[in-house]
Amino acid sequence: MSMKYRQYEGRDLLTAVKLVREAKYSVYKASKECNVPCSTLKDFLKRNEDEEVVEQCLPKLRKTFALSAEQEQRIVNYIISMQELGFGLRVIQIRKLAYKLADGDASEKSNPFNKEEEAAGEW
């Protein structure tokens, strides 16, 4: 059974917050109307009581990607070319390759991969 991660948009959460604060909706009613989990809305309201903080927090909801689309395409091309040469790669080899690409990236974004194993996670 696969778990689904965050099936709502950041703007839906913002709309629900505004409904609770400005239109005086109940947390339950706002969560149902905006398709945001009730517990998520409650937690968000509890943590962010200041109006200005709410606007600043919303962009942080989305996880950033560890690899760019170009880096992902490089990995795919490498896997295909190795397979065509008769050298199929194991999953751990691909995970380590992804780690090296993300770690060697010149940008300053930190990669979320396991630094001890020097490999990307299974997912």
N, C-alpha and C. Protein backbone atom coordinates (compact mmCIF):
# COMPACT_ATOMS: atom_id res chain seq x y z
N MET A 1 0.85 -1.17 0.00
CA MET A 1 0.00 0.00 0.00
C MET A 1 0.89 1.24 0.00
N SER A 2 0.68 2.13 -0.92
CA SER A 2 1.51 3.33 -0.99
C SER A 2 0.80 4.50 -0.31
N MET A 3 1.59 5.27 0.41
CA MET A 3 1.06 6.44 1.08
C MET A 3 1.14 7.62 0.11
N LYS A 4 0.14 8.47 0.11
CA LYS A 4 0.16 9.64 -0.74
C LYS A 4 0.56 10.83 0.11
N TYR A 5 1.48 11.61 -0.42
CA TYR A 5 2.02 12.74 0.30
C TYR A 5 1.34 14.02 -0.17
N ARG A 6 0.84 14.77 0.73
CA ARG A 6 0.27 16.10 0.53
C ARG A 6 -0.49 16.26 -0.77
N GLN A 7 -1.76 16.00 -0.71
CA GLN A 7 -2.60 16.08 -1.89
C GLN A 7 -3.33 17.41 -1.98
N TYR A 8 -2.74 18.47 -1.47
CA TYR A 8 -3.33 19.80 -1.56
C TYR A 8 -2.23 20.78 -1.92
N GLU A 9 -2.62 21.91 -2.45
CA GLU A 9 -1.67 22.93 -2.85
C GLU A 9 -1.47 23.92 -1.70
N GLY A 10 -0.37 24.63 -1.73
CA GLY A 10 -0.09 25.64 -0.72
C GLY A 10 -1.15 26.73 -0.68
N ARG A 11 -1.67 27.08 -1.87
CA ARG A 11 -2.70 28.12 -1.90
C ARG A 11 -4.00 27.63 -1.26
N ASP A 12 -4.25 26.32 -1.28
CA ASP A 12 -5.43 25.78 -0.60
C ASP A 12 -5.31 25.97 0.91
N LEU A 13 -4.10 25.75 1.43
CA LEU A 13 -3.87 25.95 2.85
C LEU A 13 -4.03 27.42 3.21
N LEU A 14 -3.51 28.31 2.37
CA LEU A 14 -3.65 29.75 2.61
C LEU A 14 -5.12 30.16 2.59
N THR A 15 -5.88 29.63 1.65
CA THR A 15 -7.32 29.93 1.59
C THR A 15 -8.02 29.45 2.85
N ALA A 16 -7.69 28.26 3.31
CA ALA A 16 -8.31 27.72 4.52
C ALA A 16 -7.97 28.59 5.74
N VAL A 17 -6.71 29.05 5.82
CA VAL A 17 -6.31 29.92 6.93
C VAL A 17 -7.11 31.21 6.90
N LYS A 18 -7.27 31.78 5.70
CA LYS A 18 -8.05 33.03 5.59
C LYS A 18 -9.51 32.80 5.96
N LEU A 19 -10.07 31.66 5.58
CA LEU A 19 -11.46 31.38 5.93
C LEU A 19 -11.64 31.31 7.45
N VAL A 20 -10.69 30.68 8.12
CA VAL A 20 -10.78 30.56 9.58
C VAL A 20 -10.60 31.91 10.24
N ARG A 21 -9.60 32.67 9.79
CA ARG A 21 -9.28 33.93 10.46
C ARG A 21 -10.22 35.08 10.09
N GLU A 22 -10.59 35.17 8.81
CA GLU A 22 -11.38 36.32 8.36
C GLU A 22 -12.87 36.03 8.27
N ALA A 23 -13.23 34.88 7.73
CA ALA A 23 -14.64 34.56 7.56
C ALA A 23 -15.21 33.81 8.75
N LYS A 24 -14.35 33.56 9.75
CA LYS A 24 -14.76 32.91 11.00
C LYS A 24 -15.35 31.52 10.77
N TYR A 25 -14.81 30.81 9.78
CA TYR A 25 -15.20 29.41 9.58
C TYR A 25 -14.59 28.58 10.70
N SER A 26 -15.19 27.45 10.98
CA SER A 26 -14.56 26.51 11.90
C SER A 26 -13.39 25.85 11.16
N VAL A 27 -12.44 25.34 11.90
CA VAL A 27 -11.30 24.67 11.29
C VAL A 27 -11.78 23.48 10.46
N TYR A 28 -12.74 22.76 11.00
CA TYR A 28 -13.27 21.59 10.31
C TYR A 28 -13.91 21.99 8.97
N LYS A 29 -14.77 23.02 9.00
CA LYS A 29 -15.48 23.45 7.80
C LYS A 29 -14.49 23.98 6.75
N ALA A 30 -13.51 24.77 7.18
CA ALA A 30 -12.52 25.31 6.24
C ALA A 30 -11.68 24.18 5.63
N SER A 31 -11.33 23.19 6.44
CA SER A 31 -10.52 22.09 5.92
C SER A 31 -11.29 21.28 4.88
N LYS A 32 -12.56 21.05 5.13
CA LYS A 32 -13.37 20.31 4.16
C LYS A 32 -13.57 21.09 2.87
N GLU A 33 -13.81 22.39 3.00
CA GLU A 33 -14.06 23.21 1.82
C GLU A 33 -12.81 23.37 0.94
N CYS A 34 -11.65 23.39 1.56
CA CYS A 34 -10.40 23.61 0.81
C CYS A 34 -9.61 22.32 0.56
N ASN A 35 -10.16 21.19 0.99
CA ASN A 35 -9.50 19.90 0.81
C ASN A 35 -8.11 19.84 1.45
N VAL A 36 -8.01 20.39 2.66
CA VAL A 36 -6.77 20.35 3.44
C VAL A 36 -7.08 19.53 4.68
N PRO A 37 -6.21 18.60 5.06
CA PRO A 37 -6.48 17.81 6.27
C PRO A 37 -6.69 18.72 7.49
N CYS A 38 -7.67 18.37 8.28
CA CYS A 38 -8.03 19.17 9.45
C CYS A 38 -6.85 19.30 10.41
N SER A 39 -6.14 18.23 10.65
CA SER A 39 -5.01 18.27 11.58
C SER A 39 -3.89 19.17 11.04
N THR A 40 -3.69 19.17 9.73
CA THR A 40 -2.67 20.03 9.13
C THR A 40 -3.03 21.49 9.33
N LEU A 41 -4.30 21.82 9.09
CA LEU A 41 -4.75 23.20 9.26
C LEU A 41 -4.64 23.63 10.72
N LYS A 42 -5.04 22.78 11.64
CA LYS A 42 -4.93 23.10 13.07
C LYS A 42 -3.48 23.35 13.46
N ASP A 43 -2.60 22.45 13.05
CA ASP A 43 -1.18 22.59 13.38
C ASP A 43 -0.60 23.87 12.79
N PHE A 44 -0.96 24.16 11.55
CA PHE A 44 -0.45 25.35 10.88
C PHE A 44 -0.92 26.61 11.58
N LEU A 45 -2.19 26.65 11.96
CA LEU A 45 -2.72 27.82 12.66
C LEU A 45 -2.07 28.00 14.02
N LYS A 46 -1.81 26.89 14.70
CA LYS A 46 -1.20 26.94 16.02
C LYS A 46 0.24 27.46 15.94
N ARG A 47 0.97 27.00 14.92
CA ARG A 47 2.37 27.38 14.78
C ARG A 47 2.54 28.79 14.22
N ASN A 48 1.58 29.27 13.45
CA ASN A 48 1.71 30.55 12.74
C ASN A 48 0.57 31.47 13.10
N GLU A 49 0.67 32.06 14.26
CA GLU A 49 -0.39 32.95 14.73
C GLU A 49 -0.30 34.32 14.08
N ASP A 50 0.90 34.73 13.67
CA ASP A 50 1.10 36.05 13.06
C ASP A 50 0.75 35.99 11.57
N GLU A 51 0.00 36.98 11.09
CA GLU A 51 -0.45 37.00 9.69
C GLU A 51 0.71 37.02 8.71
N GLU A 52 1.76 37.82 8.98
CA GLU A 52 2.87 37.93 8.05
C GLU A 52 3.64 36.62 7.93
N VAL A 53 3.71 35.88 9.01
CA VAL A 53 4.45 34.62 9.01
C VAL A 53 3.79 33.62 8.07
N VAL A 54 2.46 33.64 8.01
CA VAL A 54 1.72 32.69 7.17
C VAL A 54 2.15 32.83 5.71
N GLU A 55 2.23 34.04 5.21
CA GLU A 55 2.63 34.26 3.81
C GLU A 55 4.05 33.78 3.57
N GLN A 56 4.94 33.96 4.54
CA GLN A 56 6.33 33.56 4.37
C GLN A 56 6.50 32.05 4.44
N CYS A 57 5.63 31.36 5.17
CA CYS A 57 5.77 29.92 5.35
C CYS A 57 5.31 29.13 4.13
N LEU A 58 4.37 29.64 3.39
CA LEU A 58 3.78 28.87 2.30
C LEU A 58 4.76 28.40 1.23
N PRO A 59 5.71 29.22 0.78
CA PRO A 59 6.62 28.69 -0.24
C PRO A 59 7.46 27.52 0.25
N LYS A 60 7.63 27.36 1.55
CA LYS A 60 8.45 26.29 2.09
C LYS A 60 7.72 24.95 2.12
N LEU A 61 6.45 24.92 1.77
CA LEU A 61 5.69 23.68 1.85
C LEU A 61 6.15 22.65 0.83
N ARG A 62 6.54 23.09 -0.32
CA ARG A 62 6.93 22.15 -1.38
C ARG A 62 8.38 21.70 -1.18
N LYS A 63 8.61 20.42 -1.29
CA LYS A 63 9.97 19.90 -1.19
C LYS A 63 10.73 20.26 -2.46
N THR A 64 12.00 20.57 -2.29
CA THR A 64 12.81 20.86 -3.45
C THR A 64 13.41 19.55 -3.97
N PHE A 65 13.71 19.54 -5.24
CA PHE A 65 14.29 18.36 -5.85
C PHE A 65 15.79 18.35 -5.59
N ALA A 66 16.35 17.18 -5.37
CA ALA A 66 17.79 17.06 -5.13
C ALA A 66 18.56 17.16 -6.44
N LEU A 67 17.95 16.72 -7.52
CA LEU A 67 18.61 16.75 -8.83
C LEU A 67 17.79 17.60 -9.79
N SER A 68 18.47 18.28 -10.66
CA SER A 68 17.77 19.04 -11.69
C SER A 68 17.27 18.08 -12.77
N ALA A 69 16.40 18.57 -13.63
CA ALA A 69 15.89 17.73 -14.73
C ALA A 69 17.03 17.31 -15.65
N GLU A 70 18.01 18.19 -15.83
CA GLU A 70 19.16 17.86 -16.68
C GLU A 70 19.98 16.73 -16.06
N GLN A 71 20.18 16.78 -14.75
CA GLN A 71 20.94 15.73 -14.08
C GLN A 71 20.20 14.40 -14.15
N GLU A 72 18.89 14.43 -13.96
CA GLU A 72 18.10 13.20 -14.07
C GLU A 72 18.22 12.61 -15.46
N GLN A 73 18.17 13.47 -16.48
CA GLN A 73 18.28 13.00 -17.85
C GLN A 73 19.65 12.39 -18.12
N ARG A 74 20.69 12.97 -17.52
CA ARG A 74 22.04 12.41 -17.67
C ARG A 74 22.10 11.00 -17.08
N ILE A 75 21.47 10.80 -15.94
CA ILE A 75 21.45 9.47 -15.31
C ILE A 75 20.71 8.48 -16.20
N VAL A 76 19.56 8.89 -16.70
CA VAL A 76 18.77 8.01 -17.57
C VAL A 76 19.57 7.63 -18.81
N ASN A 77 20.21 8.60 -19.43
CA ASN A 77 21.01 8.32 -20.63
C ASN A 77 22.16 7.37 -20.32
N TYR A 78 22.79 7.56 -19.15
CA TYR A 78 23.89 6.69 -18.75
C TYR A 78 23.39 5.26 -18.52
N ILE A 79 22.27 5.12 -17.86
CA ILE A 79 21.70 3.79 -17.61
C ILE A 79 21.40 3.08 -18.93
N ILE A 80 20.80 3.81 -19.85
CA ILE A 80 20.45 3.22 -21.15
C ILE A 80 21.70 2.83 -21.92
N SER A 81 22.69 3.72 -21.94
CA SER A 81 23.91 3.40 -22.70
C SER A 81 24.65 2.21 -22.07
N MET A 82 24.69 2.13 -20.76
CA MET A 82 25.34 0.99 -20.11
C MET A 82 24.58 -0.31 -20.40
N GLN A 83 23.27 -0.23 -20.42
CA GLN A 83 22.45 -1.42 -20.71
C GLN A 83 22.67 -1.87 -22.14
N GLU A 84 22.79 -0.92 -23.06
CA GLU A 84 23.03 -1.27 -24.46
C GLU A 84 24.40 -1.92 -24.66
N LEU A 85 25.35 -1.58 -23.79
CA LEU A 85 26.68 -2.18 -23.86
C LEU A 85 26.73 -3.53 -23.15
N GLY A 86 25.63 -3.90 -22.50
CA GLY A 86 25.56 -5.19 -21.81
C GLY A 86 25.96 -5.13 -20.35
N PHE A 87 26.05 -3.93 -19.81
CA PHE A 87 26.40 -3.77 -18.40
C PHE A 87 25.22 -3.16 -17.65
N GLY A 88 24.29 -4.00 -17.24
CA GLY A 88 23.15 -3.51 -16.48
C GLY A 88 23.62 -3.01 -15.12
N LEU A 89 23.06 -1.92 -14.66
CA LEU A 89 23.45 -1.36 -13.38
C LEU A 89 22.50 -1.82 -12.28
N ARG A 90 23.08 -2.06 -11.11
CA ARG A 90 22.24 -2.39 -9.96
C ARG A 90 21.68 -1.10 -9.37
N VAL A 91 20.63 -1.24 -8.60
CA VAL A 91 19.97 -0.08 -8.01
C VAL A 91 20.94 0.71 -7.13
N ILE A 92 21.74 0.03 -6.35
CA ILE A 92 22.68 0.73 -5.46
C ILE A 92 23.70 1.54 -6.27
N GLN A 93 24.09 1.04 -7.44
CA GLN A 93 25.02 1.79 -8.28
C GLN A 93 24.37 3.08 -8.79
N ILE A 94 23.11 2.99 -9.14
CA ILE A 94 22.39 4.17 -9.63
C ILE A 94 22.19 5.17 -8.49
N ARG A 95 21.89 4.68 -7.29
CA ARG A 95 21.72 5.56 -6.13
C ARG A 95 23.03 6.28 -5.81
N LYS A 96 24.15 5.58 -5.91
CA LYS A 96 25.45 6.20 -5.64
C LYS A 96 25.80 7.23 -6.73
N LEU A 97 25.43 6.93 -7.96
CA LEU A 97 25.64 7.88 -9.05
C LEU A 97 24.83 9.15 -8.82
N ALA A 98 23.59 9.00 -8.41
CA ALA A 98 22.74 10.16 -8.13
C ALA A 98 23.34 11.00 -7.00
N TYR A 99 23.88 10.34 -5.98
CA TYR A 99 24.52 11.05 -4.87
C TYR A 99 25.71 11.86 -5.38
N LYS A 100 26.55 11.23 -6.21
CA LYS A 100 27.73 11.93 -6.72
C LYS A 100 27.34 13.13 -7.57
N LEU A 101 26.30 12.97 -8.37
CA LEU A 101 25.84 14.10 -9.19
C LEU A 101 25.34 15.24 -8.31
N ALA A 102 24.56 14.93 -7.30
CA ALA A 102 24.01 15.97 -6.42
C ALA A 102 25.10 16.58 -5.56
N ASP A 103 26.05 15.79 -5.10
CA ASP A 103 27.12 16.27 -4.24
C ASP A 103 28.12 17.11 -5.03
N GLY A 104 28.34 16.75 -6.27
CA GLY A 104 29.29 17.48 -7.10
C GLY A 104 28.69 18.70 -7.76
N ASP A 105 27.41 18.94 -7.53
CA ASP A 105 26.73 20.08 -8.12
C ASP A 105 27.35 21.38 -7.59
N ALA A 106 27.62 22.30 -8.49
CA ALA A 106 28.26 23.55 -8.09
C ALA A 106 27.34 24.46 -7.29
N SER A 107 26.04 24.25 -7.39
CA SER A 107 25.12 25.11 -6.64
C SER A 107 25.26 24.83 -5.15
N GLU A 108 24.78 25.74 -4.36
CA GLU A 108 24.96 25.61 -2.91
C GLU A 108 23.80 24.93 -2.22
N LYS A 109 22.88 24.36 -2.96
CA LYS A 109 21.78 23.67 -2.29
C LYS A 109 22.30 22.35 -1.71
N SER A 110 21.88 22.07 -0.51
CA SER A 110 22.36 20.84 0.12
C SER A 110 21.52 19.67 -0.37
N ASN A 111 22.15 18.53 -0.53
CA ASN A 111 21.38 17.38 -0.98
C ASN A 111 20.89 16.59 0.22
N PRO A 112 19.71 16.02 0.12
CA PRO A 112 19.11 15.31 1.25
C PRO A 112 19.54 13.85 1.34
N PHE A 113 20.55 13.47 0.59
CA PHE A 113 20.93 12.07 0.52
C PHE A 113 21.76 11.64 1.73
N ASN A 114 21.86 10.33 1.91
CA ASN A 114 22.59 9.73 3.02
C ASN A 114 24.09 9.92 2.81
N LYS A 115 24.70 10.74 3.66
CA LYS A 115 26.12 11.05 3.50
C LYS A 115 27.01 9.92 3.99
N GLU A 116 26.52 9.10 4.90
CA GLU A 116 27.33 7.97 5.38
C GLU A 116 27.47 6.90 4.30
N GLU A 117 26.35 6.56 3.66
CA GLU A 117 26.39 5.54 2.61
C GLU A 117 26.82 6.12 1.26
N GLU A 118 26.83 7.45 1.17
CA GLU A 118 27.09 8.14 -0.08
C GLU A 118 26.19 7.61 -1.19
N ALA A 119 24.90 7.60 -0.89
CA ALA A 119 23.91 7.09 -1.85
C ALA A 119 22.60 7.84 -1.67
N ALA A 120 21.87 7.95 -2.76
CA ALA A 120 20.52 8.52 -2.71
C ALA A 120 19.61 7.50 -2.00
N GLY A 121 18.51 7.98 -1.47
CA GLY A 121 17.56 7.08 -0.80
C GLY A 121 16.82 6.22 -1.79
N GLU A 122 16.11 5.24 -1.27
CA GLU A 122 15.38 4.32 -2.14
C GLU A 122 14.29 5.04 -2.93
N TRP A 123 13.72 6.08 -2.37
CA TRP A 123 12.61 6.77 -3.02
C TRP A 123 13.08 8.05 -3.66
